[in-house]
Structures are given as C-alpha cells and as structure tokens.
Amino acid sequence: MPKLPRISGAEALKALQKLGFEKVRQSGSHVIARRGSKGCVIPMHAELKIGTLAGLLRQADVSPEEFMEAL
C-alpha cells in the first residue's frame, strides 16, 4: 500500500472527480460526492489528515493505489 500524501480537500475532490465521482452538494465545509451507489464526504480543509483521507477512500470504495494514480 502506498503512503498517502498530505493534500487539501480540493485536491482530493479533483482526484475523485477524475475517477468518476460527481459533486452532489455542499454543506458548509463538507462536499458530498457520489459515483453510482457509492458516496463519500470530503472535508474542504487546507490539509487532510492521513487517517481522514484513508477513511474517505474506504467510504468511496477506492483503493489507495487507484487514488494515487488519479492525483
């Protein structure tokens, strides 16, 4: 498993959009993105903690390798 980078919420959203996710709505500083029946909540912070990013990828059912390629 590759080591996940320290990235912003906006960068995470861009990478997920390359993987087919669409921004459904935004509530405050959190964006809800969806691809088919899978969805995830992306906090739009300046820097996401590694655990937060890992949890987000689990929610979205995206492997870290797949995510790293989309970055």
C-alpha atoms as a PDB file:
ATOM      1  CA  MET A   1       0.000   0.000   0.000  1.00  0.00           C
ATOM      2  CA  PRO A   2       1.500   3.361  -0.975  1.00  0.00           C
ATOM      3  CA  LYS A   3       1.872   6.040   1.658  1.00  0.00           C
ATOM      4  CA  LEU A   4      -0.934   8.562   1.304  1.00  0.00           C
ATOM      5  CA  PRO A   5       0.168  12.174   0.749  1.00  0.00           C
ATOM      6  CA  ARG A   6      -0.834  15.247   2.711  1.00  0.00           C
ATOM      7  CA  ILE A   7      -3.243  17.013   0.351  1.00  0.00           C
ATOM      8  CA  SER A   8      -6.071  19.529   0.617  1.00  0.00           C
ATOM      9  CA  GLY A   9      -9.755  18.699   0.372  1.00  0.00           C
ATOM     10  CA  ALA A  10      -9.927  20.432  -3.021  1.00  0.00           C
ATOM     11  CA  GLU A  11      -7.108  18.231  -4.379  1.00  0.00           C
ATOM     12  CA  ALA A  12      -8.875  15.117  -3.056  1.00  0.00           C
ATOM     13  CA  LEU A  13     -12.106  16.190  -4.767  1.00  0.00           C
ATOM     14  CA  LYS A  14     -10.299  16.738  -8.098  1.00  0.00           C
ATOM     15  CA  ALA A  15      -8.711  13.277  -7.915  1.00  0.00           C
ATOM     16  CA  LEU A  16     -12.070  11.647  -7.101  1.00  0.00           C
ATOM     17  CA  GLN A  17     -13.717  13.518  -9.973  1.00  0.00           C
ATOM     18  CA  LYS A  18     -11.108  12.009 -12.317  1.00  0.00           C
ATOM     19  CA  LEU A  19     -12.262   8.613 -11.010  1.00  0.00           C
ATOM     20  CA  GLY A  20     -15.894   9.350 -11.946  1.00  0.00           C
ATOM     21  CA  PHE A  21     -17.277  10.948  -8.772  1.00  0.00           C
ATOM     22  CA  GLU A  22     -19.605  13.930  -9.091  1.00  0.00           C
ATOM     23  CA  LYS A  23     -20.092  16.715  -6.566  1.00  0.00           C
ATOM     24  CA  VAL A  24     -23.693  16.303  -5.404  1.00  0.00           C
ATOM     25  CA  ARG A  25     -23.928  19.087  -2.841  1.00  0.00           C
ATOM     26  CA  GLN A  26     -22.011  21.057  -0.252  1.00  0.00           C
ATOM     27  CA  SER A  27     -22.978  21.679   3.341  1.00  0.00           C
ATOM     28  CA  GLY A  28     -20.651  24.168   4.994  1.00  0.00           C
ATOM     29  CA  SER A  29     -17.074  22.989   4.534  1.00  0.00           C
ATOM     30  CA  HIS A  30     -18.030  19.426   3.544  1.00  0.00           C
ATOM     31  CA  VAL A  31     -18.691  18.251  -0.026  1.00  0.00           C
ATOM     32  CA  ILE A  32     -20.756  15.138  -0.741  1.00  0.00           C
ATOM     33  CA  ALA A  33     -19.551  13.290  -3.849  1.00  0.00           C
ATOM     34  CA  ARG A  34     -21.188  10.255  -5.449  1.00  0.00           C
ATOM     35  CA  ARG A  35     -20.371   7.613  -8.068  1.00  0.00           C
ATOM     36  CA  GLY A  36     -23.256   5.244  -8.636  1.00  0.00           C
ATOM     37  CA  SER A  37     -24.403   3.960  -5.240  1.00  0.00           C
ATOM     38  CA  LYS A  38     -21.100   4.844  -3.523  1.00  0.00           C
ATOM     39  CA  GLY A  39     -20.677   8.223  -1.918  1.00  0.00           C
ATOM     40  CA  CYS A  40     -18.265   9.996   0.381  1.00  0.00           C
ATOM     41  CA  VAL A  41     -17.942  13.167   2.412  1.00  0.00           C
ATOM     42  CA  ILE A  42     -14.899  15.324   1.664  1.00  0.00           C
ATOM     43  CA  PRO A  43     -13.934  17.977   4.209  1.00  0.00           C
ATOM     44  CA  MET A  44     -12.707  21.034   2.303  1.00  0.00           C
ATOM     45  CA  HIS A  45      -9.817  21.757   4.660  1.00  0.00           C
ATOM     46  CA  ALA A  46      -6.411  23.168   3.745  1.00  0.00           C
ATOM     47  CA  GLU A  47      -4.785  19.851   4.678  1.00  0.00           C
ATOM     48  CA  LEU A  48      -6.467  16.487   5.298  1.00  0.00           C
ATOM     49  CA  LYS A  49      -5.009  14.213   7.946  1.00  0.00           C
ATOM     50  CA  ILE A  50      -3.847  10.818   6.680  1.00  0.00           C
ATOM     51  CA  GLY A  51      -6.485   8.953   8.712  1.00  0.00           C
ATOM     52  CA  THR A  52      -9.229  11.209   7.375  1.00  0.00           C
ATOM     53  CA  LEU A  53      -8.097  10.619   3.798  1.00  0.00           C
ATOM     54  CA  ALA A  54      -7.902   6.846   4.379  1.00  0.00           C
ATOM     55  CA  GLY A  55     -11.437   6.840   5.815  1.00  0.00           C
ATOM     56  CA  LEU A  56     -12.694   8.890   2.900  1.00  0.00           C
ATOM     57  CA  LEU A  57     -11.223   6.358   0.442  1.00  0.00           C
ATOM     58  CA  ARG A  58     -12.838   3.476   2.368  1.00  0.00           C
ATOM     59  CA  GLN A  59     -16.198   5.271   2.175  1.00  0.00           C
ATOM     60  CA  ALA A  60     -15.770   5.797  -1.552  1.00  0.00           C
ATOM     61  CA  ASP A  61     -14.577   2.197  -2.094  1.00  0.00           C
ATOM     62  CA  VAL A  62     -11.430   3.444  -3.874  1.00  0.00           C
ATOM     63  CA  SER A  63      -8.053   1.772  -3.347  1.00  0.00           C
ATOM     64  CA  PRO A  64      -5.104   3.967  -2.328  1.00  0.00           C
ATOM     65  CA  GLU A  65      -3.256   2.863  -5.484  1.00  0.00           C
ATOM     66  CA  GLU A  66      -6.170   3.940  -7.684  1.00  0.00           C
ATOM     67  CA  PHE A  67      -6.356   7.281  -5.843  1.00  0.00           C
ATOM     68  CA  MET A  68      -2.605   7.931  -6.149  1.00  0.00           C
ATOM     69  CA  GLU A  69      -2.772   7.386  -9.930  1.00  0.00           C
ATOM     70  CA  ALA A  70      -5.596   9.940 -10.217  1.00  0.00           C
ATOM     71  CA  LEU A  71      -3.621  12.625  -8.330  1.00  0.00           C
END
